């Protein structure tokens, strides 16, 4: 049995896509031409194109999706008596900015079939103190948004869409990030499109909130040009932002990243379509293997297939999820992983008083989840090998050819 990482045939990659020569040329051109190297015309172009692509009212390029979430948390104007409803089955960055405000985090369970929050998992948690609902389009699947938005409207609650994994997909013809009050996107190295490893976008619905973002994003500055008699008075880098209770950050993104991001929008539909084609093939390949249970996709909810996460149901053959992962990695050379430990299990949240939750679907899915390598650039041979070797591993389990991890 192989016992080290060098024996892996199908790796879990650190990047989600490779760049075309045209995209690389765009980066080189921006490196030569950009002046300044931040907050210039490439940023404006990226924001304008993204706003059009997503049908959002406003779009602001930032350094990461975490930065977008931090800005949305600030703009929600939260206090210690306010409650924020959000899934525990998500990346920690969904929750940390809202915990930082001093608000109370209230964990919502996921739906057992779709593995995202629904109005049915959110509604019982609504109280008079609820101020924000965060929905996470996890793995790339859009949540069923209309019932959630109707609930939010009844209770006068803001809705934040964590669309980090769902760029370019829609719900009933409306793009992810354009439905709630705020949309937060990621261009991290793992994502369907990446602006050189890091990057993000914040979409904003209201004009009132949007007016605050440029100052909050850049240390209270509105840029080097402004409505002043002389640009140097009182200083070129002037702090124009002054809103009680709001302290600015630096969440700026570089011009070269923005140039690439704008260019990648040309290929986003193709990238997502490629991922869907492979997802369909992968799911079909395991039609006769109920040991792997795939995410259900409701009508009207598109899927970006950022990740291929399944529920392992092979315990009937005596093999645990960890037995399956061990067999995949060390016998068949596939590096699958486990993701999104329920956030309330982490000491970081437990110590803050957020360690209790009633989330049985979250517990069940996490304890049995397997996430397969699914990078866009995976070769056809690697993809076919992953299917065949995974089928072989499941056959081994059915035949009792495994050892307990």
Foldseek 3Di string as FASTA:
>chain_A
DFDDQVLFPAEQDLFQDDDDPVLVVLLVVCVVPDVPFFDDVLQVLLFVLLCVLQVFPGKGKFFWLLVLLLLVLVLLVDAQLAEEEEALQDDCSNPVSNVVRNYHYAHFAADLFQRWHACVRCVVVDDLRYAEYETECPLQKDYQPPVVVVVCVVSVHFYEYACQAHPNWFFLPHGQQRRTQKYKYWQARLHLHHLVGGIIMMGGHDPVSVVQPCCQQCQQANAQDDPDPDSQVVHSRDRPDDDPPGGHDHGIDTSSSSSSSSVCVVCLVVSQVLLVVLLVVLCVLCPVPPQWRFRDHDPRIDGSSSWGKTFGNLCVLVAFLVQLQCCCPRVLNWRKDQDRDRNLVDPVCVVSVSNDHDHVSSVRRRRGMIIGRRRSPDDPVSSVSSSVSSVVSSVCSNVVNTDHD
